[in-house]
């Protein structure tokens, strides 16, 4: 099957300037980019789409999502019966794809089998990379029990709606890593500090001891993958780096010294700012527990500053959102928030080429190049001039293609 996107403005974050021309898709891949395709290369049934100068760019990559989080209250989400939790994830996945995110990296909750279901066409959604359940100590960021609940913290962890599980000590961590990697996890996520959406762990708490983190890192290295860590403060960030963690999630309270260490270690960082805006504005009405609401400002007010600190240190940043419940619809707002602190080209790279590196698909995703997977968007405007075009898909997004199949289209 061939599709020819004609009269396009082609934008790739790694190119110095946009290009005008046509782009030929064949069998799910980008076959050619040219100013005038040879008629002999076109099949008789080739579908021609005249874009009238509109912009083609690679499909977007969100490197921090929770597709199973259909509720703001994560304890209640974990208690959902598995069939209900899975079916509630279906519109979340469909919405992400229709907003232009053709690939997402789930950082806690989604089973690898859900990625298989999407690839088999059983439900529409982005290409999905998963870590299984996020790992946490007792009382850490995956422990959703209220303070006076002394029941088994893992009593819900087998449910599809549970985003994490408890694993204490080196032996439990090794076992949890091995179980999840056996089931098909692409990487392992640990909770390296306290968090907002859990009730009993202050933001500044350490999540795991160095020996516990190293155990997870060793298991992942043996499996030729990596550990990602939820972290906020300079101390927890530095501990994660020292122990071999390769990707740091959030980092809102980072300082210049910790950012320099991250740059020297060549780790990825995935800031997630829109989630704190949504938690502050929508959380109370959507069931976010009071204990979580009280923690929001601790990380919200330092978010934009963290972007500048990370940029100045030369840290590689991917695009992430971390939204929960009904706030998934705000996924594209992260572009507008980052635009207050970062250049448009850097932001576009974070959601294309850098995201592709993080999921091990460099050169195949996030780029307009012959041989790359045909994950493509058609938008109005040039995001290198104004990245906030991507913050408004309802107005500016006209076509979403994933692996050469058009999943969403509006008339230009």
Foldseek 3Di string as FASTA:
>chain_A
DKEKEAQEFEDALPDPHTDTAIWMDDQQFTADTDNDDDPVVDDPPYHYDYQNHFYKFFFWEAEEEALLFQALQLVVLLPDAQVVSVVSSQVLFLLCLLLRHQEYEYQFQAFVVVLVCCVVVVGPGHNYAYQYHAEFAVLAAQQADDPPDPPDSCPSSVHSRRRHHYADDLVSLLVVNVVRVVRPHQAYEYEQAHAQQHQRGAQHHGTHDLVNLLSRQVSQVVVVHFYEYEHAALVSLVSNLVSGHQEYEANLHYDLVSLLSQVVSQHEYEHAQVQLVCCQPPVVVRPRDPSSNVRSVVRNVSRLVRLQSNVVSPHQYAYHHHHHHPCSSQRQVSQVSNVVRDQLSSHLCNTAQSSCVNSVNHPQTRGNDRPHRPFMWTWHDDSNVPVCSSSCCVPTTAWTDGSRRTDGGDDD
